[in-house]
Protein backbone atom coordinates (compact mmCIF):
# COMPACT_ATOMS: atom_id res chain seq x y z
CA MET A 1 0.00 0.00 0.00
CA ALA A 2 1.13 3.52 -0.67
CA VAL A 3 0.15 7.15 -0.07
CA TYR A 4 0.63 9.79 -2.77
CA VAL A 5 0.83 13.60 -2.78
CA ASP A 6 0.96 15.93 -5.75
CA ASP A 7 2.58 19.36 -5.97
CA PRO A 8 1.01 22.20 -3.96
CA ILE A 9 -0.16 24.39 -6.83
CA TRP A 10 -3.76 25.22 -5.91
CA ARG A 11 -4.10 28.60 -4.17
CA TRP A 12 -6.87 29.10 -1.62
CA ALA A 13 -7.19 31.01 1.65
CA GLY A 14 -3.62 32.29 1.48
CA HIS A 15 -2.03 28.85 1.09
CA LYS A 16 -0.94 26.54 -1.67
CA TRP A 17 -2.73 23.18 -1.52
CA CYS A 18 -2.24 19.69 -2.86
CA HIS A 19 -4.01 16.32 -2.69
CA MET A 20 -3.20 13.22 -0.66
CA LEU A 21 -4.55 9.90 -1.95
CA ALA A 22 -3.82 6.29 -1.05
CA ASP A 23 -4.30 2.81 -2.45
CA SER A 24 -7.03 2.19 0.13
CA GLU A 25 -9.26 4.39 2.24
CA ASP A 26 -8.06 2.72 5.44
CA GLU A 27 -4.45 3.48 4.52
CA LEU A 28 -5.39 7.07 3.72
CA HIS A 29 -7.01 7.63 7.14
CA ARG A 30 -4.20 5.85 9.00
CA PHE A 31 -1.56 7.96 7.27
CA ALA A 32 -3.51 11.19 7.82
CA ALA A 33 -3.62 10.43 11.56
CA ILE A 34 0.13 9.76 11.60
CA ILE A 35 0.90 13.20 10.12
CA GLY A 36 -1.65 14.95 12.35
CA ILE A 37 -4.47 15.58 9.86
CA HIS A 38 -7.88 15.35 11.53
CA ARG A 39 -10.48 12.97 10.07
CA LEU A 40 -12.95 15.86 9.76
CA LEU A 41 -10.83 17.16 6.87
CA TYR A 42 -11.44 14.00 4.83
CA GLN A 43 -13.12 14.45 1.46
CA GLY A 44 -14.74 11.50 -0.23
CA PRO A 45 -17.89 9.98 -1.65
CA PRO A 46 -20.60 11.00 -2.07
CA LYS A 47 -19.31 14.60 -2.21
CA THR A 48 -16.22 13.76 -4.26
CA SER A 49 -15.55 10.72 -6.40
CA ALA A 50 -12.19 9.79 -4.88
CA PRO A 51 -11.26 9.54 -1.20
CA HIS A 52 -8.61 12.17 -0.42
CA TYR A 53 -7.38 14.91 1.86
CA ASP A 54 -6.38 18.40 0.75
CA LEU A 55 -3.05 19.39 2.31
CA THR A 56 -1.16 22.64 2.59
CA GLY A 57 2.44 22.75 1.43
CA LEU A 58 3.62 22.37 5.04
CA GLU A 59 1.42 19.33 5.59
CA ARG A 60 2.73 17.89 2.30
CA THR A 61 6.27 18.19 3.66
CA ARG A 62 5.22 16.21 6.76
CA ALA A 63 3.61 13.57 4.52
CA LEU A 64 6.77 13.20 2.44
CA ARG A 65 8.91 12.85 5.56
CA ALA A 66 6.53 10.12 6.78
CA GLY A 67 6.91 8.17 3.53
CA ALA A 68 4.35 9.51 1.05
CA ILE A 69 5.30 9.32 -2.62
CA ALA A 70 5.62 12.63 -4.48
CA CYS A 71 3.68 12.66 -7.75
CA ASN A 72 3.43 15.00 -10.69
CA ARG A 73 0.03 15.96 -12.10
CA GLU A 74 -0.19 13.01 -14.50
CA GLU A 75 0.75 10.51 -11.80
CA ILE A 76 -1.77 11.83 -9.24
CA VAL A 77 -4.51 11.78 -11.91
CA ALA A 78 -3.68 8.12 -12.58
CA VAL A 79 -3.98 7.36 -8.83
CA PHE A 80 -7.24 9.32 -8.68
CA ARG A 81 -8.71 7.26 -11.53
CA ARG A 82 -7.59 4.03 -9.87
CA VAL A 83 -9.15 4.79 -6.47
CA LYS A 84 -12.26 6.70 -7.47
CA VAL A 85 -15.65 5.29 -6.66
CA ALA A 86 -17.90 4.76 -9.68
CA ASN A 87 -20.55 7.48 -9.96
CA GLY A 88 -19.38 8.91 -6.64
CA LYS A 89 -21.42 6.25 -4.85
CA VAL A 90 -20.15 4.10 -2.03
CA HIS A 91 -20.81 0.41 -2.63
CA ARG A 92 -22.73 -1.08 0.27
CA PRO A 93 -22.95 -4.86 0.07
CA GLY A 94 -26.39 -6.19 0.85
CA VAL A 95 -28.20 -2.98 -0.11
CA GLN A 96 -30.25 -3.47 -3.22
CA LYS A 97 -31.14 -0.73 -5.66
CA LEU A 98 -34.81 -0.09 -6.25
CA ARG A 99 -35.94 -0.35 -9.86
CA LEU A 100 -38.52 2.00 -11.16
CA VAL A 101 -41.20 0.25 -13.15
CA GLU A 102 -43.05 2.17 -15.80
CA ARG A 103 -46.79 1.89 -15.39
CA VAL A 104 -48.83 1.61 -18.53
């Protein structure tokens, strides 16, 4: 399992921000806790299609020191595509979808 961070290029609220993704959601949360990022800052389905945390440049530095892999834009997009949840929906085993039946 691995954790990935891209370059902090997104400006917001006076900081430069980047993304932190991981091969699994459990690994992502475990790593965030290790570097001191609170779980309330998590972003994931159904609001976003891929589980991730947004980090400031300083938090990115902590992540790299703790073992995260630095990625360029193309690499982080590839990770995003690999870990994203289809249609932004979380799969819940045992929950069946209701089918609408057209009435004639």
